[in-house]
Amino acid sequence: MSDVTNPDADGYGTLTDEAFERSRKRIGIPERPLTPHNHEVTTDGTRHFAYGYGDANPLWSDPDYAAKTRWGGIIAPPNFLYTMGENAAEPVSPEQKALLKGDPFAGLGSYQAVMEFEWFRPLTEGDRCKVIRAQVGVQEKPSKFGGRTAHVTNAFLFANGDGEVHATQRGTWINAERHASKANSRKTDAIDFTTPYTDEQIAEIDAAYDVEERRGSETRYWEDVAVGDEIQTRVKGPLTVTDIVVWHLGWGMQLTPPGAFGISRAVRRKVPGLYPPNERNIPDTVQRLHWEPARAKELGIPMNYDYGAMRETWLTHAVTDWMGDDGWLWKLSCQHRKFNYMGDTTWITGTVVDKRQATDDQGTRNEVHLELTCTNQRGEVNTPGTAVVLLPTRDAAVELPKPPADDLESLLAHEIDRHR
């Protein structure tokens, strides 16, 4: 989730027809990605990333262990693609570059709402990664709090070092008129952010950490899974600023280019909006609303909060530990419906809702479908999700799914058609 504002812009906080039209003209134009946090898959990089969301799976971090698996060595955690991606797109024309300049929805509250992934093959140790990033859709939808919202979908398309399609990531961000965002924030006024956890509550959380299990090298076969089976409940929290810091060590800075002091000044000269001044008039990253309560409150949010991407890694952690080394996480989709505030505790649960065998243009698959939920200590579901896992049978190993296109340019065309 992010929130970038421009209070001096005309029509600040209001959606216009012109903004929608300008957004639609950007569809399919590749945007230059930021410099990736990792240019190459390394054991250090995958370990730092996995540890940042609490995942000690040796498949991501122990070369000796990984060498004995079906993969023959280290593979990156599914969401490691966040940290990678060198530009694979052809240069844009001057006309296209002009269309990409600025944000059509500047001045609105912008919140990550939906994130979907499809993984087709792993990134392995030593791999490099290419990406094409482009907007593929925009829809106008009414806000339940009044006003208009713009749902913008961006696709991030990844290939490995050999040019083979690795994964598709598509995210939808809701750009809401300011009065609608403030109406939503009023619903959180009753939340108490000051009451400490009891010793008993902390003991319950610690007990859940202490019994976490990882399937690992013990193969989970498709035949042994039944509809109604539950994955082991996982806990993440209580969320602290330290968790955010450790997360960034593995994830990078993403929205704000990395670097401090003179390096950040050089970025600020080009993009001053990424560094709004704090209460002492010191320019600082727009992302500080994730660790500064005061900045969050300035934007109508009662408390600083996590990143949606953190919960996405929590979901993949729960699923990959359940499926074991021989399974393959093919699809993950989740919706970020509520903020996960500082101090909140998230419980991740999952249930098998379907299993099927299929053969089509994406290969032969033994699928297990999961429904997933992230629920906070107040009993609120903040992120529901679904996943499709491919499991081996006793007769055959997992066959990796085939991507719907063989190269990134064709995959972009596929994504645009998908959202047309």
Protein backbone atom coordinates (compact mmCIF):
# COMPACT_ATOMS: atom_id res chain seq x y z
CA MET A 1 0.00 0.00 0.00
CA SER A 2 1.26 3.47 -0.74
CA ASP A 3 0.04 7.03 -0.69
CA VAL A 4 1.68 9.75 -2.77
CA THR A 5 0.14 13.20 -2.73
CA ASN A 6 0.51 16.45 -4.62
CA PRO A 7 -1.46 19.08 -2.68
CA ASP A 8 -0.71 21.86 -5.17
CA ALA A 9 -2.19 20.04 -8.16
CA ASP A 10 -5.41 21.27 -9.75
CA GLY A 11 -8.35 19.06 -8.86
CA TYR A 12 -6.43 17.62 -5.91
CA GLY A 13 -8.28 14.68 -4.43
CA THR A 14 -10.91 14.50 -7.18
CA LEU A 15 -11.23 12.01 -10.03
CA THR A 16 -11.86 13.48 -13.46
CA ASP A 17 -12.80 12.03 -16.85
CA GLU A 18 -9.56 13.45 -18.20
CA ALA A 19 -7.57 11.44 -15.63
CA PHE A 20 -9.26 8.20 -16.72
CA GLU A 21 -8.61 8.94 -20.38
CA ARG A 22 -4.98 9.74 -19.71
CA SER A 23 -4.63 6.51 -17.73
CA ARG A 24 -6.15 4.43 -20.55
CA LYS A 25 -3.62 5.83 -23.02
CA ARG A 26 -0.82 4.40 -20.87
CA ILE A 27 -2.02 0.79 -21.28
CA GLY A 28 0.68 -1.41 -22.79
CA ILE A 29 3.46 1.20 -22.62
CA PRO A 30 6.37 -0.35 -20.72
CA GLU A 31 7.58 1.60 -17.71
CA ARG A 32 11.22 1.51 -16.79
CA PRO A 33 11.62 -0.49 -13.56
CA LEU A 34 13.73 0.71 -10.68
CA THR A 35 17.22 -0.70 -10.29
CA PRO A 36 16.63 -4.16 -8.77
CA HIS A 37 17.76 -4.93 -5.23
CA ASN A 38 19.32 -8.14 -6.57
CA HIS A 39 20.79 -8.56 -10.04
CA GLU A 40 21.52 -12.22 -9.44
CA VAL A 41 20.08 -15.01 -7.31
CA THR A 42 22.56 -15.71 -4.51
CA THR A 43 22.36 -17.73 -1.33
CA ASP A 44 22.85 -14.56 0.70
CA GLY A 45 20.14 -12.71 -1.18
CA THR A 46 17.56 -15.48 -0.88
CA ARG A 47 18.40 -16.00 2.80
CA HIS A 48 18.08 -12.32 3.66
CA PHE A 49 14.78 -12.12 1.79
CA ALA A 50 13.28 -15.25 3.38
CA TYR A 51 14.46 -14.36 6.87
CA GLY A 52 12.81 -10.96 6.40
CA TYR A 53 9.39 -12.61 6.51
CA GLY A 54 10.36 -15.32 9.01
CA ASP A 55 10.96 -18.23 6.61
CA ALA A 56 13.89 -20.51 7.51
CA ASN A 57 13.23 -23.08 4.74
CA PRO A 58 16.68 -24.54 3.85
CA LEU A 59 15.56 -24.95 0.23
CA TRP A 60 16.08 -21.19 -0.11
CA SER A 61 19.24 -20.85 1.96
CA ASP A 62 21.25 -24.07 2.52
CA PRO A 63 23.18 -25.25 -0.57
CA ASP A 64 23.94 -28.69 0.89
CA TYR A 65 20.28 -29.33 1.71
CA ALA A 66 19.01 -27.92 -1.60
CA ALA A 67 21.43 -30.08 -3.61
CA LYS A 68 19.59 -33.21 -2.43
CA THR A 69 16.15 -32.01 -3.58
CA ARG A 70 14.53 -32.45 -7.00
CA TRP A 71 15.80 -28.96 -7.87
CA GLY A 72 19.47 -29.90 -7.44
CA GLY A 73 20.37 -26.63 -5.72
CA ILE A 74 19.14 -23.37 -4.23
CA ILE A 75 15.95 -21.94 -5.70
CA ALA A 76 14.55 -18.55 -4.82
CA PRO A 77 11.41 -18.19 -2.67
CA PRO A 78 8.36 -17.47 -4.85
CA ASN A 79 8.15 -13.77 -4.00
CA PHE A 80 11.87 -13.17 -4.52
CA LEU A 81 10.90 -11.68 -7.87
CA TYR A 82 10.06 -8.51 -5.91
CA THR A 83 13.77 -7.92 -5.54
CA MET A 84 14.76 -8.63 -9.15
CA GLY A 85 14.06 -7.48 -12.66
CA GLU A 86 16.34 -5.74 -15.13
CA ASN A 87 14.53 -3.87 -17.86
CA ALA A 88 13.62 -6.08 -20.84
CA ALA A 89 11.46 -3.60 -22.74
CA GLU A 90 12.43 -1.75 -25.90
CA PRO A 91 12.88 2.03 -25.53
CA VAL A 92 9.62 3.96 -25.68
CA SER A 93 8.92 6.70 -28.22
CA PRO A 94 8.93 10.39 -27.21
CA GLU A 95 5.12 10.36 -27.46
CA GLN A 96 4.87 7.34 -25.18
CA LYS A 97 7.36 8.86 -22.76
CA ALA A 98 5.16 11.95 -22.50
CA LEU A 99 2.13 9.79 -21.68
CA LEU A 100 4.05 8.13 -18.86
CA LYS A 101 5.11 11.42 -17.29
CA GLY A 102 3.40 12.13 -13.98
CA ASP A 103 0.52 10.29 -12.35
CA PRO A 104 -2.98 10.71 -13.83
CA PHE A 105 -4.39 10.17 -10.34
CA ALA A 106 -1.97 12.36 -8.34
CA GLY A 107 -3.54 13.71 -5.17
CA LEU A 108 -5.74 10.67 -4.58
CA GLY A 109 -5.35 8.04 -1.90
CA SER A 110 -3.71 5.04 -3.59
CA TYR A 111 -4.03 1.62 -1.96
CA GLN A 112 -2.94 -1.81 -3.07
CA ALA A 113 -6.09 -3.93 -3.28
CA VAL A 114 -5.41 -7.16 -5.19
CA MET A 115 -2.24 -9.03 -6.04
CA GLU A 116 -2.04 -12.14 -8.22
CA PHE A 117 0.89 -14.36 -9.13
CA GLU A 118 1.51 -17.25 -11.50
CA TRP A 119 4.86 -19.05 -11.34
CA PHE A 120 6.01 -21.22 -14.24
CA ARG A 121 9.61 -22.14 -13.33
CA PRO A 122 11.99 -21.34 -10.49
CA LEU A 123 14.79 -18.84 -10.34
CA THR A 124 17.94 -20.76 -9.47
CA GLU A 125 21.23 -19.77 -7.90
CA GLY A 126 23.23 -17.67 -10.35
CA ASP A 127 20.15 -16.71 -12.37
CA ARG A 128 19.56 -13.18 -13.57
CA CYS A 129 16.08 -11.88 -14.23
CA LYS A 130 14.43 -9.60 -16.80
CA VAL A 131 11.12 -7.80 -16.39
CA ILE A 132 8.57 -5.89 -18.42
CA ARG A 133 6.30 -3.68 -16.37
CA ALA A 134 3.24 -2.00 -17.84
CA GLN A 135 -0.28 -0.94 -17.05
CA VAL A 136 -2.72 -3.40 -18.60
CA GLY A 137 -6.10 -2.10 -17.43
CA VAL A 138 -8.09 0.63 -15.67
CA GLN A 139 -11.69 0.53 -14.49
CA GLU A 140 -13.94 3.08 -12.86
CA LYS A 141 -15.91 1.83 -9.88
CA PRO A 142 -18.05 3.65 -7.31
CA SER A 143 -16.78 3.86 -3.75
CA LYS A 144 -19.05 2.50 -1.02
CA PHE A 145 -18.15 5.63 0.93
CA GLY A 146 -19.22 7.91 -1.92
CA GLY A 147 -17.30 9.31 -4.85
CA ARG A 148 -15.40 7.58 -7.62
CA THR A 149 -12.48 5.19 -7.61
CA ALA A 150 -10.06 4.14 -10.33
CA HIS A 151 -8.90 0.51 -10.25
CA VAL A 152 -5.56 0.39 -12.08
CA THR A 153 -4.02 -2.99 -12.93
CA ASN A 154 -0.30 -3.29 -13.63
CA ALA A 155 1.47 -6.39 -14.89
CA PHE A 156 5.03 -7.34 -13.98
CA LEU A 157 6.31 -10.04 -16.31
CA PHE A 158 9.51 -11.89 -15.44
CA ALA A 159 11.91 -14.09 -17.39
CA ASN A 160 14.97 -15.91 -16.13
CA GLY A 161 18.53 -15.44 -17.37
CA ASP A 162 17.89 -17.66 -20.39
CA GLY A 163 14.86 -15.65 -21.45
CA GLU A 164 12.36 -18.30 -20.31
CA VAL A 165 9.18 -16.96 -18.70
CA HIS A 166 9.48 -17.22 -14.92
CA ALA A 167 6.32 -15.61 -13.58
CA THR A 168 3.47 -13.17 -13.99
CA GLN A 169 2.60 -10.73 -11.24
CA ARG A 170 -0.40 -8.47 -11.63
CA GLY A 171 -1.56 -5.95 -9.09
CA THR A 172 -4.58 -3.70 -8.80
CA TRP A 173 -4.39 -0.40 -6.96
CA ILE A 174 -7.48 1.57 -5.94
CA ASN A 175 -7.17 5.32 -6.39
CA ALA A 176 -9.89 6.87 -4.23
CA GLU A 177 -11.13 10.41 -3.87
CA ARG A 178 -9.91 11.92 -0.62
CA HIS A 179 -13.31 12.29 1.02
CA ALA A 180 -13.94 8.57 0.41
CA SER A 181 -10.59 7.70 2.00
CA LYS A 182 -11.35 9.81 5.03
CA ALA A 183 -14.78 8.20 5.41
CA ASN A 184 -13.05 4.85 5.50
CA SER A 185 -10.52 6.02 8.07
CA ARG A 186 -13.28 7.12 10.46
CA LYS A 187 -14.27 3.46 10.85
CA THR A 188 -10.99 2.83 12.69
CA ASP A 189 -11.46 5.57 15.28
CA ALA A 190 -12.65 3.01 17.85
CA ILE A 191 -9.51 0.83 17.60
CA ASP A 192 -7.37 1.01 20.72
CA PHE A 193 -3.70 1.20 19.74
CA THR A 194 -2.42 1.69 23.30
CA THR A 195 -3.53 -1.34 25.34
CA PRO A 196 -0.54 -3.66 25.86
CA TYR A 197 -0.63 -7.37 25.13
CA THR A 198 -1.03 -9.54 28.22
CA ASP A 199 1.58 -12.11 29.12
CA GLU A 200 -0.96 -14.77 28.26
CA GLN A 201 -1.49 -13.36 24.76
CA ILE A 202 2.25 -13.25 24.09
CA ALA A 203 2.56 -16.83 25.39
CA GLU A 204 -0.17 -17.96 22.95
CA ILE A 205 1.67 -16.35 20.03
CA ASP A 206 5.01 -17.83 21.12
CA ALA A 207 3.43 -21.28 21.45
CA ALA A 208 2.24 -21.06 17.82
CA TYR A 209 5.76 -20.16 16.68
CA ASP A 210 7.22 -23.02 18.70
CA VAL A 211 5.14 -25.73 16.99
CA GLU A 212 5.57 -24.56 13.38
CA GLU A 213 6.33 -27.48 11.07
CA ARG A 214 7.77 -27.64 7.58
CA ARG A 215 6.93 -30.53 5.24
CA GLY A 216 10.33 -30.21 3.56
CA SER A 217 11.74 -33.43 2.13
CA GLU A 218 8.78 -35.54 3.25
CA THR A 219 6.81 -35.63 -0.01
CA ARG A 220 3.16 -34.64 0.17
CA TYR A 221 1.35 -36.70 -2.48
CA TRP A 222 -1.77 -35.54 -4.29
CA GLU A 223 -3.52 -38.83 -3.45
CA ASP A 224 -3.17 -38.17 0.29
CA VAL A 225 -4.87 -34.76 0.25
CA ALA A 226 -8.61 -34.49 0.87
CA VAL A 227 -11.08 -31.64 0.52
CA GLY A 228 -11.54 -30.14 3.95
CA ASP A 229 -7.93 -30.65 5.04
CA GLU A 230 -6.48 -27.66 6.85
CA ILE A 231 -2.93 -26.37 6.62
CA GLN A 232 -1.12 -25.61 9.84
CA THR A 233 -2.10 -22.23 11.31
CA ARG A 234 0.74 -19.70 11.18
CA VAL A 235 1.19 -16.51 13.17
CA LYS A 236 3.00 -13.30 12.22
CA GLY A 237 3.29 -10.63 14.87
CA PRO A 238 2.81 -8.60 16.87
CA LEU A 239 4.08 -6.33 14.10
CA THR A 240 6.92 -3.99 15.10
CA VAL A 241 8.99 -1.34 13.38
CA THR A 242 11.90 -3.76 13.68
CA ASP A 243 9.96 -6.21 11.49
CA ILE A 244 9.61 -3.49 8.85
CA VAL A 245 13.35 -2.74 8.99
CA VAL A 246 14.32 -6.42 8.69
CA TRP A 247 11.83 -6.81 5.84
CA HIS A 248 13.53 -3.96 3.94
CA LEU A 249 16.95 -5.59 4.34
CA GLY A 250 15.82 -8.45 2.13
CA TRP A 251 13.20 -6.67 0.01
CA GLY A 252 15.04 -3.46 -0.79
CA MET A 253 13.32 -0.08 -0.80
CA GLN A 254 11.15 -0.60 -3.89
CA LEU A 255 9.07 2.62 -4.12
CA THR A 256 11.92 4.86 -3.02
CA PRO A 257 15.20 4.15 -4.84
CA PRO A 258 17.90 2.86 -2.49
CA GLY A 259 20.61 5.08 -1.12
CA ALA A 260 21.19 7.60 1.63
CA PHE A 261 22.40 11.17 2.07
CA GLY A 262 23.95 12.39 -1.20
CA ILE A 263 22.49 9.50 -3.19
CA SER A 264 18.96 10.20 -1.95
CA ARG A 265 19.50 13.92 -2.62
CA ALA A 266 20.29 13.09 -6.25
CA VAL A 267 17.04 11.16 -6.51
CA ARG A 268 15.13 13.94 -4.74
CA ARG A 269 16.31 16.48 -7.30
CA LYS A 270 14.65 14.40 -10.00
CA VAL A 271 11.55 13.26 -8.09
CA PRO A 272 10.90 15.60 -5.14
CA GLY A 273 7.47 14.06 -4.54
CA LEU A 274 9.13 10.91 -3.20
CA TYR A 275 10.50 12.90 -0.25
CA PRO A 276 7.75 14.99 1.42
CA PRO A 277 9.03 17.02 4.39
CA ASN A 278 8.46 15.77 7.93
CA GLU A 279 7.34 17.89 10.91
CA ARG A 280 10.82 19.46 11.09
CA ASN A 281 10.72 20.27 7.35
CA ILE A 282 13.28 17.57 6.58
CA PRO A 283 12.62 15.74 3.29
CA ASP A 284 12.14 12.04 3.92
CA THR A 285 10.85 9.04 1.99
CA VAL A 286 7.16 8.79 1.23
CA GLN A 287 7.34 5.22 2.58
CA ARG A 288 7.86 6.42 6.13
CA LEU A 289 4.11 6.15 6.75
CA HIS A 290 4.90 2.47 7.34
CA TRP A 291 7.00 3.30 10.41
CA GLU A 292 5.96 6.83 11.42
CA PRO A 293 2.52 7.14 13.06
CA ALA A 294 2.55 10.90 12.53
CA ARG A 295 2.91 10.56 8.75
CA ALA A 296 0.13 7.98 8.60
CA LYS A 297 -2.18 10.30 10.55
CA GLU A 298 -1.38 13.18 8.18
CA LEU A 299 -2.83 11.02 5.42
CA GLY A 300 -5.98 10.14 7.34
CA ILE A 301 -4.75 6.72 8.54
CA PRO A 302 -4.86 6.26 12.33
CA MET A 303 -1.65 4.22 12.66
CA ASN A 304 1.35 3.16 10.58
CA TYR A 305 0.96 -0.23 8.94
CA ASP A 306 2.64 -3.05 7.02
CA TYR A 307 3.10 -3.54 3.28
CA GLY A 308 0.63 -5.67 1.37
CA ALA A 309 3.67 -7.52 0.00
CA MET A 310 4.55 -8.65 3.51
CA ARG A 311 1.25 -10.49 3.83
CA GLU A 312 1.79 -12.00 0.38
CA THR A 313 5.04 -13.54 1.58
CA TRP A 314 3.32 -14.74 4.77
CA LEU A 315 0.78 -16.57 2.62
CA THR A 316 3.45 -18.17 0.42
CA HIS A 317 5.40 -19.14 3.55
CA ALA A 318 2.39 -21.01 4.94
CA VAL A 319 1.68 -22.72 1.61
CA THR A 320 5.25 -23.73 0.70
CA ASP A 321 5.87 -25.16 4.17
CA TRP A 322 2.66 -27.20 3.80
CA MET A 323 3.29 -28.52 0.28
CA GLY A 324 6.94 -29.57 0.78
CA ASP A 325 9.99 -29.46 -1.49
CA ASP A 326 8.45 -31.59 -4.24
CA GLY A 327 5.34 -29.44 -4.71
CA TRP A 328 4.99 -26.32 -6.82
CA LEU A 329 3.08 -23.15 -5.91
CA TRP A 330 1.48 -22.25 -9.25
CA LYS A 331 -0.99 -19.50 -8.41
CA LEU A 332 -1.62 -17.12 -5.54
CA SER A 333 -4.26 -14.39 -5.40
CA CYS A 334 -5.10 -12.19 -2.44
CA GLN A 335 -7.11 -9.09 -1.60
CA HIS A 336 -5.89 -6.52 0.91
CA ARG A 337 -9.12 -5.34 2.49
CA LYS A 338 -7.96 -3.80 5.75
CA PHE A 339 -4.82 -2.23 7.09
CA ASN A 340 -2.53 -4.37 9.22
CA TYR A 341 -1.51 -1.82 11.83
CA MET A 342 1.63 -1.64 13.91
CA GLY A 343 1.17 -3.94 16.88
CA ASP A 344 -1.34 -6.20 15.11
CA THR A 345 -0.95 -9.97 15.10
CA THR A 346 -1.92 -11.91 11.98
CA TRP A 347 -3.04 -15.55 11.98
CA ILE A 348 -2.76 -17.34 8.61
CA THR A 349 -5.12 -20.26 8.01
CA GLY A 350 -5.93 -22.35 4.95
CA THR A 351 -8.32 -25.08 3.83
CA VAL A 352 -8.33 -27.45 0.86
CA VAL A 353 -11.49 -26.65 -1.11
CA ASP A 354 -10.87 -28.67 -4.28
CA LYS A 355 -8.48 -31.14 -5.91
CA ARG A 356 -8.45 -32.07 -9.56
CA GLN A 357 -6.39 -33.54 -12.36
CA ALA A 358 -6.16 -31.64 -15.63
CA THR A 359 -4.43 -31.80 -18.99
CA ASP A 360 -4.53 -28.81 -21.33
CA ASP A 361 -2.21 -26.43 -23.19
CA GLN A 362 -0.48 -25.65 -19.88
CA GLY A 363 0.45 -29.28 -19.27
CA THR A 364 -0.68 -32.14 -17.07
CA ARG A 365 -1.38 -31.12 -13.51
CA ASN A 366 -2.46 -32.58 -10.18
CA GLU A 367 -3.97 -29.51 -8.56
CA VAL A 368 -4.92 -28.71 -4.98
CA HIS A 369 -6.97 -25.54 -4.46
CA LEU A 370 -6.67 -23.69 -1.15
CA GLU A 371 -8.66 -20.90 0.45
CA LEU A 372 -6.47 -18.75 2.68
CA THR A 373 -7.12 -16.04 5.24
CA CYS A 374 -5.09 -13.55 7.23
CA THR A 375 -7.02 -12.66 10.41
CA ASN A 376 -5.94 -10.15 13.04
CA GLN A 377 -6.27 -10.37 16.82
CA ARG A 378 -9.57 -8.45 16.61
CA GLY A 379 -11.05 -11.28 14.54
CA GLU A 380 -11.04 -9.23 11.32
CA VAL A 381 -10.04 -10.83 8.03
CA ASN A 382 -7.69 -8.31 6.45
CA THR A 383 -6.41 -10.44 3.55
CA PRO A 384 -8.37 -13.35 2.08
CA GLY A 385 -6.70 -15.32 -0.68
CA THR A 386 -6.60 -18.43 -2.81
CA ALA A 387 -3.79 -20.63 -4.04
CA VAL A 388 -3.32 -23.48 -6.50
CA VAL A 389 -0.61 -25.99 -5.60
CA LEU A 390 0.68 -28.74 -7.90
CA LEU A 391 1.59 -31.92 -6.06
CA PRO A 392 3.31 -35.11 -7.23
CA THR A 393 1.50 -38.42 -7.39
CA ARG A 394 3.07 -41.70 -6.43
CA ASP A 395 3.49 -42.34 -10.15
CA ALA A 396 4.85 -39.01 -11.37
CA ALA A 397 6.68 -35.89 -10.25
CA VAL A 398 5.18 -32.42 -10.66
CA GLU A 399 5.16 -31.16 -14.23
CA LEU A 400 5.77 -27.40 -14.22
CA PRO A 401 2.96 -25.42 -15.90
CA LYS A 402 3.55 -23.86 -19.29
CA PRO A 403 3.20 -20.07 -19.57
CA PRO A 404 0.56 -18.70 -21.96
CA ALA A 405 3.32 -17.13 -24.08
CA ASP A 406 6.95 -17.93 -24.82
CA ASP A 407 8.45 -14.46 -24.39
CA LEU A 408 7.74 -11.33 -22.38
CA GLU A 409 6.46 -9.20 -25.28
CA SER A 410 3.87 -11.85 -26.20
CA LEU A 411 2.99 -12.27 -22.54
CA LEU A 412 2.29 -8.53 -22.29
CA ALA A 413 -0.09 -8.74 -25.25
CA HIS A 414 -1.80 -11.67 -23.54
CA GLU A 415 -2.25 -9.67 -20.33
CA ILE A 416 -3.71 -6.67 -22.17
CA ASP A 417 -6.22 -8.94 -23.94
CA ARG A 418 -7.05 -10.53 -20.60
CA HIS A 419 -8.05 -7.16 -19.13
CA ARG A 420 -9.56 -5.59 -22.22
